[in-house]
N, C-alpha and C. Protein backbone atom coordinates (compact mmCIF):
# COMPACT_ATOMS: atom_id res chain seq x y z
N UNK A 1 0.84 -1.18 0.00
CA UNK A 1 0.00 0.00 0.00
C UNK A 1 0.89 1.25 0.00
N UNK A 2 0.42 2.26 -0.68
CA UNK A 2 1.12 3.53 -0.70
C UNK A 2 0.20 4.58 -0.09
N UNK A 3 0.79 5.51 0.63
CA UNK A 3 0.04 6.59 1.28
C UNK A 3 0.14 7.84 0.42
N UNK A 4 -0.99 8.50 0.21
CA UNK A 4 -1.04 9.80 -0.47
C UNK A 4 -1.14 10.86 0.61
N UNK A 5 -0.30 11.89 0.50
CA UNK A 5 -0.35 13.02 1.43
C UNK A 5 -0.64 14.27 0.60
N UNK A 6 -1.79 14.87 0.82
CA UNK A 6 -2.19 16.05 0.06
C UNK A 6 -2.23 17.29 0.92
N UNK A 7 -2.37 18.43 0.24
CA UNK A 7 -2.41 19.75 0.89
C UNK A 7 -1.13 20.03 1.66
N UNK A 8 -0.01 19.58 1.09
CA UNK A 8 1.30 19.80 1.73
C UNK A 8 1.75 21.24 1.59
N UNK A 9 2.47 21.70 2.56
CA UNK A 9 3.14 22.99 2.47
C UNK A 9 4.19 22.90 1.36
N UNK A 10 4.33 23.96 0.60
CA UNK A 10 5.34 23.97 -0.46
C UNK A 10 6.76 24.04 0.11
N UNK A 11 6.87 24.28 1.41
CA UNK A 11 8.18 24.27 2.08
C UNK A 11 8.58 22.87 2.51
N UNK A 12 7.66 21.91 2.47
CA UNK A 12 7.96 20.55 2.90
C UNK A 12 8.99 19.91 1.97
N UNK A 13 9.97 19.28 2.56
CA UNK A 13 11.02 18.58 1.82
C UNK A 13 10.88 17.08 2.07
N UNK A 14 11.53 16.30 1.24
CA UNK A 14 11.50 14.85 1.38
C UNK A 14 11.98 14.43 2.77
N UNK A 15 13.00 15.08 3.26
CA UNK A 15 13.54 14.78 4.60
C UNK A 15 12.49 15.01 5.69
N UNK A 16 11.68 16.08 5.54
CA UNK A 16 10.62 16.36 6.51
C UNK A 16 9.61 15.22 6.54
N UNK A 17 9.22 14.74 5.37
CA UNK A 17 8.27 13.63 5.30
C UNK A 17 8.86 12.36 5.88
N UNK A 18 10.12 12.10 5.58
CA UNK A 18 10.78 10.92 6.13
C UNK A 18 10.80 10.98 7.65
N UNK A 19 11.10 12.15 8.20
CA UNK A 19 11.11 12.30 9.66
C UNK A 19 9.72 12.08 10.25
N UNK A 20 8.69 12.61 9.60
CA UNK A 20 7.33 12.47 10.11
C UNK A 20 6.88 11.01 10.07
N UNK A 21 7.03 10.36 8.94
CA UNK A 21 6.50 9.00 8.79
C UNK A 21 7.38 7.94 9.43
N UNK A 22 8.64 8.20 9.63
CA UNK A 22 9.50 7.21 10.29
C UNK A 22 9.13 7.05 11.77
N UNK A 23 8.35 7.98 12.30
CA UNK A 23 7.84 7.83 13.67
C UNK A 23 6.86 6.65 13.77
N UNK A 24 6.34 6.21 12.63
CA UNK A 24 5.36 5.12 12.59
C UNK A 24 5.98 3.79 12.16
N UNK A 25 7.20 3.82 11.67
CA UNK A 25 7.86 2.60 11.22
C UNK A 25 8.85 2.91 10.11
N UNK A 26 9.39 1.86 9.52
CA UNK A 26 10.42 2.03 8.49
C UNK A 26 9.79 2.47 7.17
N UNK A 27 10.30 3.56 6.62
CA UNK A 27 9.82 4.08 5.34
C UNK A 27 10.60 3.41 4.22
N UNK A 28 9.86 2.84 3.29
CA UNK A 28 10.46 2.15 2.15
C UNK A 28 10.81 3.14 1.03
N UNK A 29 9.89 4.08 0.77
CA UNK A 29 10.08 5.03 -0.32
C UNK A 29 9.27 6.29 -0.04
N UNK A 30 9.81 7.43 -0.46
CA UNK A 30 9.12 8.71 -0.32
C UNK A 30 9.32 9.50 -1.60
N UNK A 31 8.21 9.96 -2.19
CA UNK A 31 8.27 10.69 -3.45
C UNK A 31 7.55 12.02 -3.29
N UNK A 32 8.21 13.09 -3.68
CA UNK A 32 7.64 14.44 -3.62
C UNK A 32 7.67 15.00 -5.04
N UNK A 33 6.59 14.78 -5.82
CA UNK A 33 6.59 15.18 -7.24
C UNK A 33 6.77 16.68 -7.43
N UNK A 34 7.43 17.03 -8.52
CA UNK A 34 7.60 18.44 -8.90
C UNK A 34 7.05 18.63 -10.32
N UNK A 35 6.66 19.86 -10.63
CA UNK A 35 6.16 20.19 -11.96
C UNK A 35 7.34 20.23 -12.93
N UNK A 36 7.16 19.62 -14.08
CA UNK A 36 8.24 19.59 -15.07
C UNK A 36 8.61 20.98 -15.56
N UNK A 37 7.60 21.79 -15.85
CA UNK A 37 7.85 23.10 -16.46
C UNK A 37 8.49 24.10 -15.51
N UNK A 38 8.04 24.12 -14.26
CA UNK A 38 8.49 25.15 -13.33
C UNK A 38 9.50 24.66 -12.30
N UNK A 39 9.55 23.34 -12.07
CA UNK A 39 10.44 22.81 -11.04
C UNK A 39 9.91 22.99 -9.63
N UNK A 40 8.66 23.49 -9.53
CA UNK A 40 8.04 23.69 -8.21
C UNK A 40 7.39 22.41 -7.72
N UNK A 41 7.31 22.28 -6.41
CA UNK A 41 6.62 21.14 -5.82
C UNK A 41 5.14 21.24 -6.14
N UNK A 42 4.48 20.09 -6.21
CA UNK A 42 3.08 20.05 -6.61
C UNK A 42 2.11 20.06 -5.44
N UNK A 43 2.61 20.02 -4.20
CA UNK A 43 1.73 20.12 -3.03
C UNK A 43 1.20 18.79 -2.53
N UNK A 44 1.79 17.70 -3.02
CA UNK A 44 1.41 16.38 -2.52
C UNK A 44 2.61 15.47 -2.58
N UNK A 45 2.49 14.31 -1.91
CA UNK A 45 3.59 13.34 -1.86
C UNK A 45 3.04 11.94 -1.72
N UNK A 46 3.91 10.97 -1.90
CA UNK A 46 3.59 9.57 -1.70
C UNK A 46 4.63 8.96 -0.78
N UNK A 47 4.16 8.17 0.18
CA UNK A 47 5.06 7.48 1.11
C UNK A 47 4.66 6.01 1.13
N UNK A 48 5.65 5.15 1.01
CA UNK A 48 5.41 3.72 1.14
C UNK A 48 6.24 3.22 2.31
N UNK A 49 5.58 2.46 3.17
CA UNK A 49 6.26 1.95 4.35
C UNK A 49 6.44 0.44 4.23
N UNK A 50 7.37 -0.11 4.98
CA UNK A 50 7.68 -1.53 4.92
C UNK A 50 6.50 -2.36 5.43
N UNK A 51 5.85 -1.90 6.48
CA UNK A 51 4.80 -2.67 7.14
C UNK A 51 3.44 -2.02 6.91
N UNK A 52 2.47 -2.80 6.40
CA UNK A 52 1.12 -2.26 6.13
C UNK A 52 0.43 -1.73 7.38
N UNK A 53 0.63 -2.38 8.52
CA UNK A 53 -0.03 -1.91 9.74
C UNK A 53 0.54 -0.57 10.19
N UNK A 54 1.84 -0.33 9.94
CA UNK A 54 2.44 0.98 10.23
C UNK A 54 1.84 2.05 9.33
N UNK A 55 1.61 1.70 8.06
CA UNK A 55 1.00 2.65 7.13
C UNK A 55 -0.40 3.03 7.59
N UNK A 56 -1.17 2.04 8.01
CA UNK A 56 -2.54 2.32 8.45
C UNK A 56 -2.54 3.19 9.71
N UNK A 57 -1.63 2.93 10.62
CA UNK A 57 -1.52 3.74 11.85
C UNK A 57 -1.18 5.19 11.49
N UNK A 58 -0.26 5.39 10.54
CA UNK A 58 0.10 6.74 10.11
C UNK A 58 -1.10 7.45 9.48
N UNK A 59 -1.85 6.73 8.65
CA UNK A 59 -3.05 7.31 8.02
C UNK A 59 -4.04 7.73 9.10
N UNK A 60 -4.31 6.83 10.02
CA UNK A 60 -5.28 7.12 11.09
C UNK A 60 -4.85 8.31 11.95
N UNK A 61 -3.58 8.38 12.29
CA UNK A 61 -3.08 9.43 13.19
C UNK A 61 -2.91 10.79 12.51
N UNK A 62 -2.58 10.81 11.23
CA UNK A 62 -2.19 12.06 10.57
C UNK A 62 -3.28 12.69 9.71
N UNK A 63 -4.41 12.02 9.54
CA UNK A 63 -5.48 12.57 8.71
C UNK A 63 -5.98 13.88 9.29
N UNK A 64 -5.98 14.94 8.47
CA UNK A 64 -6.47 16.28 8.84
C UNK A 64 -5.71 16.90 10.01
N UNK A 65 -4.45 16.51 10.19
CA UNK A 65 -3.60 17.10 11.22
C UNK A 65 -2.89 18.31 10.63
N UNK A 66 -2.72 19.36 11.42
CA UNK A 66 -1.96 20.51 10.95
C UNK A 66 -0.49 20.18 11.02
N UNK A 67 0.18 20.31 9.88
CA UNK A 67 1.61 20.04 9.78
C UNK A 67 2.24 21.08 8.87
N UNK A 68 3.21 21.77 9.37
CA UNK A 68 3.89 22.85 8.63
C UNK A 68 2.89 23.91 8.15
N UNK A 69 1.90 24.19 9.00
CA UNK A 69 0.94 25.26 8.71
C UNK A 69 -0.22 24.87 7.82
N UNK A 70 -0.34 23.60 7.44
CA UNK A 70 -1.44 23.16 6.57
C UNK A 70 -2.10 21.93 7.17
N UNK A 71 -3.41 21.79 7.00
CA UNK A 71 -4.11 20.57 7.40
C UNK A 71 -3.93 19.55 6.29
N UNK A 72 -3.06 18.58 6.53
CA UNK A 72 -2.75 17.61 5.49
C UNK A 72 -3.84 16.55 5.36
N UNK A 73 -4.00 16.04 4.14
CA UNK A 73 -4.90 14.93 3.87
C UNK A 73 -4.03 13.69 3.69
N UNK A 74 -4.33 12.65 4.43
CA UNK A 74 -3.53 11.44 4.40
C UNK A 74 -4.46 10.25 4.20
N UNK A 75 -4.28 9.52 3.09
CA UNK A 75 -5.10 8.34 2.84
C UNK A 75 -4.38 7.37 1.91
N UNK A 76 -4.99 6.22 1.69
CA UNK A 76 -4.41 5.25 0.78
C UNK A 76 -4.40 5.84 -0.62
N UNK A 77 -3.29 5.69 -1.31
CA UNK A 77 -3.21 6.15 -2.68
C UNK A 77 -4.02 5.21 -3.56
N UNK A 78 -4.72 5.77 -4.53
CA UNK A 78 -5.47 4.96 -5.49
C UNK A 78 -4.82 5.12 -6.85
N UNK A 79 -4.86 4.07 -7.66
CA UNK A 79 -4.25 4.17 -8.99
C UNK A 79 -4.90 5.27 -9.81
N UNK A 80 -4.08 5.96 -10.56
CA UNK A 80 -4.56 7.05 -11.40
C UNK A 80 -5.24 6.47 -12.63
N UNK A 81 -6.42 6.99 -12.94
CA UNK A 81 -7.13 6.51 -14.12
C UNK A 81 -6.51 7.12 -15.37
N UNK A 82 -6.39 6.30 -16.38
CA UNK A 82 -5.84 6.78 -17.65
C UNK A 82 -6.95 7.44 -18.43
N UNK A 83 -6.63 8.54 -19.08
CA UNK A 83 -7.65 9.25 -19.85
C UNK A 83 -7.46 9.00 -21.34
N UNK A 84 -8.58 9.05 -22.07
CA UNK A 84 -8.53 8.92 -23.52
C UNK A 84 -8.08 7.55 -23.97
N UNK A 85 -7.77 7.47 -25.27
CA UNK A 85 -7.14 6.28 -25.79
C UNK A 85 -8.03 5.11 -26.07
N UNK A 86 -7.73 3.97 -25.53
CA UNK A 86 -8.32 2.67 -25.84
C UNK A 86 -9.77 2.55 -25.40
N UNK A 87 -10.68 2.66 -26.31
CA UNK A 87 -12.09 2.45 -25.99
C UNK A 87 -12.61 1.29 -26.80
N UNK A 88 -13.35 0.43 -26.17
CA UNK A 88 -13.96 -0.70 -26.87
C UNK A 88 -15.40 -0.34 -27.20
N UNK A 89 -15.74 -0.47 -28.45
CA UNK A 89 -17.11 -0.19 -28.88
C UNK A 89 -17.76 -1.50 -29.27
N UNK A 90 -18.99 -1.67 -28.88
CA UNK A 90 -19.74 -2.87 -29.22
C UNK A 90 -20.68 -2.53 -30.35
N UNK A 91 -20.45 -3.10 -31.53
CA UNK A 91 -21.30 -2.83 -32.69
C UNK A 91 -22.35 -3.91 -32.83
N UNK A 92 -23.06 -4.20 -31.81
CA UNK A 92 -23.97 -5.32 -31.86
C UNK A 92 -25.35 -4.94 -31.86
């Protein structure tokens, strides 16, 4: 499972997220996406932890908590839906 963290402060760095989530267990991966054109942070991140129960505890504890001046949204990440492209039509 991967955790989505939204409404992040633009001052938040990867190290800040690692420090926050490592309080709940071992962090496997942390990604802080940036905009290609501007190089600015996009205001959200993804954290994957080694243990699923640690991830759930972090989600439960950090949902709507004020962190770095913003009320962050923390929940399970869902796969992004692909837009356009492959459509099946039934001509029947």
